[in-house]
Amino acid sequence: MLTGLLIGRPGTTEILIIAGIVVLLFGASKIPKLARSMGEAKAEFQRGLEEGEEPPEDDEDEDNVAQAGA
């Protein structure tokens, strides 16, 4: 008795079917543009992650200290 779906890595046949569907949906001339825009989006996402790793600057704390001393 099969208790669940057996989902693993896609095989060669599945990849070819997916590639064929992509060609039908977007057309062969649009695929390079689509791949380029996906690459640019990935690069932008990576830059955003790198910027997010920097510690935030606490300008508010310095303002609060200056106001408390005045």
C-alpha atoms as a PDB file:
ATOM      1  CA  MET A   1       0.000   0.000   0.000  1.00  0.00           C
ATOM      2  CA  LEU A   2       1.391   3.385  -1.047  1.00  0.00           C
ATOM      3  CA  THR A   3       1.009   5.803   1.851  1.00  0.00           C
ATOM      4  CA  GLY A   4       2.252   8.975   0.149  1.00  0.00           C
ATOM      5  CA  LEU A   5       3.642  10.421  -3.003  1.00  0.00           C
ATOM      6  CA  LEU A   6       7.126   9.351  -3.864  1.00  0.00           C
ATOM      7  CA  ILE A   7       8.654  12.646  -4.873  1.00  0.00           C
ATOM      8  CA  GLY A   8      12.342  12.751  -5.637  1.00  0.00           C
ATOM      9  CA  ARG A   9      14.640  14.411  -8.067  1.00  0.00           C
ATOM     10  CA  PRO A  10      13.213  14.868 -11.551  1.00  0.00           C
ATOM     11  CA  GLY A  11      14.583  12.493 -14.119  1.00  0.00           C
ATOM     12  CA  THR A  12      15.640  13.168 -17.679  1.00  0.00           C
ATOM     13  CA  THR A  13      12.159  12.581 -19.060  1.00  0.00           C
ATOM     14  CA  GLU A  14      10.565  15.000 -16.615  1.00  0.00           C
ATOM     15  CA  ILE A  15      13.158  17.681 -17.342  1.00  0.00           C
ATOM     16  CA  LEU A  16      12.585  17.326 -21.099  1.00  0.00           C
ATOM     17  CA  ILE A  17       8.814  17.591 -20.620  1.00  0.00           C
ATOM     18  CA  ILE A  18       9.204  20.719 -18.491  1.00  0.00           C
ATOM     19  CA  ALA A  19      11.618  22.236 -21.035  1.00  0.00           C
ATOM     20  CA  GLY A  20       9.133  21.525 -23.825  1.00  0.00           C
ATOM     21  CA  ILE A  21       6.335  23.213 -21.904  1.00  0.00           C
ATOM     22  CA  VAL A  22       8.542  26.252 -21.262  1.00  0.00           C
ATOM     23  CA  VAL A  23       9.345  26.510 -24.984  1.00  0.00           C
ATOM     24  CA  LEU A  24       5.655  26.283 -25.836  1.00  0.00           C
ATOM     25  CA  LEU A  25       4.694  28.933 -23.276  1.00  0.00           C
ATOM     26  CA  PHE A  26       7.422  31.491 -23.890  1.00  0.00           C
ATOM     27  CA  GLY A  27       8.754  30.680 -27.344  1.00  0.00           C
ATOM     28  CA  ALA A  28      12.339  29.862 -28.201  1.00  0.00           C
ATOM     29  CA  SER A  29      13.320  33.503 -28.727  1.00  0.00           C
ATOM     30  CA  LYS A  30      12.144  34.594 -25.263  1.00  0.00           C
ATOM     31  CA  ILE A  31      14.020  31.922 -23.269  1.00  0.00           C
ATOM     32  CA  PRO A  32      17.436  33.682 -23.307  1.00  0.00           C
ATOM     33  CA  LYS A  33      15.801  36.924 -22.147  1.00  0.00           C
ATOM     34  CA  LEU A  34      13.938  35.035 -19.427  1.00  0.00           C
ATOM     35  CA  ALA A  35      17.136  33.317 -18.248  1.00  0.00           C
ATOM     36  CA  ARG A  36      19.008  36.634 -18.231  1.00  0.00           C
ATOM     37  CA  SER A  37      16.325  38.359 -16.173  1.00  0.00           C
ATOM     38  CA  MET A  38      16.255  35.448 -13.725  1.00  0.00           C
ATOM     39  CA  GLY A  39      20.035  35.706 -13.341  1.00  0.00           C
ATOM     40  CA  GLU A  40      19.808  39.442 -12.721  1.00  0.00           C
ATOM     41  CA  ALA A  41      17.067  38.884 -10.143  1.00  0.00           C
ATOM     42  CA  LYS A  42      19.194  36.274  -8.376  1.00  0.00           C
ATOM     43  CA  ALA A  43      22.190  38.635  -8.304  1.00  0.00           C
ATOM     44  CA  GLU A  44      20.033  41.433  -6.892  1.00  0.00           C
ATOM     45  CA  PHE A  45      18.664  39.074  -4.251  1.00  0.00           C
ATOM     46  CA  GLN A  46      22.214  38.057  -3.270  1.00  0.00           C
ATOM     47  CA  ARG A  47      23.234  41.730  -2.969  1.00  0.00           C
ATOM     48  CA  GLY A  48      20.210  42.334  -0.752  1.00  0.00           C
ATOM     49  CA  LEU A  49      21.181  39.440   1.484  1.00  0.00           C
ATOM     50  CA  GLU A  50      24.737  40.735   1.788  1.00  0.00           C
ATOM     51  CA  GLU A  51      23.485  44.217   2.703  1.00  0.00           C
ATOM     52  CA  GLY A  52      21.165  42.691   5.282  1.00  0.00           C
ATOM     53  CA  GLU A  53      24.052  40.950   7.037  1.00  0.00           C
ATOM     54  CA  GLU A  54      25.667  44.250   8.023  1.00  0.00           C
ATOM     55  CA  PRO A  55      24.802  45.318  11.556  1.00  0.00           C
ATOM     56  CA  PRO A  56      22.317  48.186  11.694  1.00  0.00           C
ATOM     57  CA  GLU A  57      23.596  51.572  12.766  1.00  0.00           C
ATOM     58  CA  ASP A  58      22.087  52.886  15.991  1.00  0.00           C
ATOM     59  CA  ASP A  59      21.668  56.596  15.312  1.00  0.00           C
ATOM     60  CA  GLU A  60      18.681  56.738  17.667  1.00  0.00           C
ATOM     61  CA  ASP A  61      20.781  55.680  20.670  1.00  0.00           C
ATOM     62  CA  GLU A  62      23.231  58.525  20.082  1.00  0.00           C
ATOM     63  CA  ASP A  63      20.336  61.013  19.850  1.00  0.00           C
ATOM     64  CA  ASN A  64      18.837  59.733  23.102  1.00  0.00           C
ATOM     65  CA  VAL A  65      22.184  60.097  24.918  1.00  0.00           C
ATOM     66  CA  ALA A  66      22.586  63.669  23.639  1.00  0.00           C
ATOM     67  CA  GLN A  67      19.043  64.593  24.757  1.00  0.00           C
ATOM     68  CA  ALA A  68      19.491  63.016  28.200  1.00  0.00           C
ATOM     69  CA  GLY A  69      22.674  64.995  28.801  1.00  0.00           C
ATOM     70  CA  ALA A  70      21.133  68.327  27.774  1.00  0.00           C
END
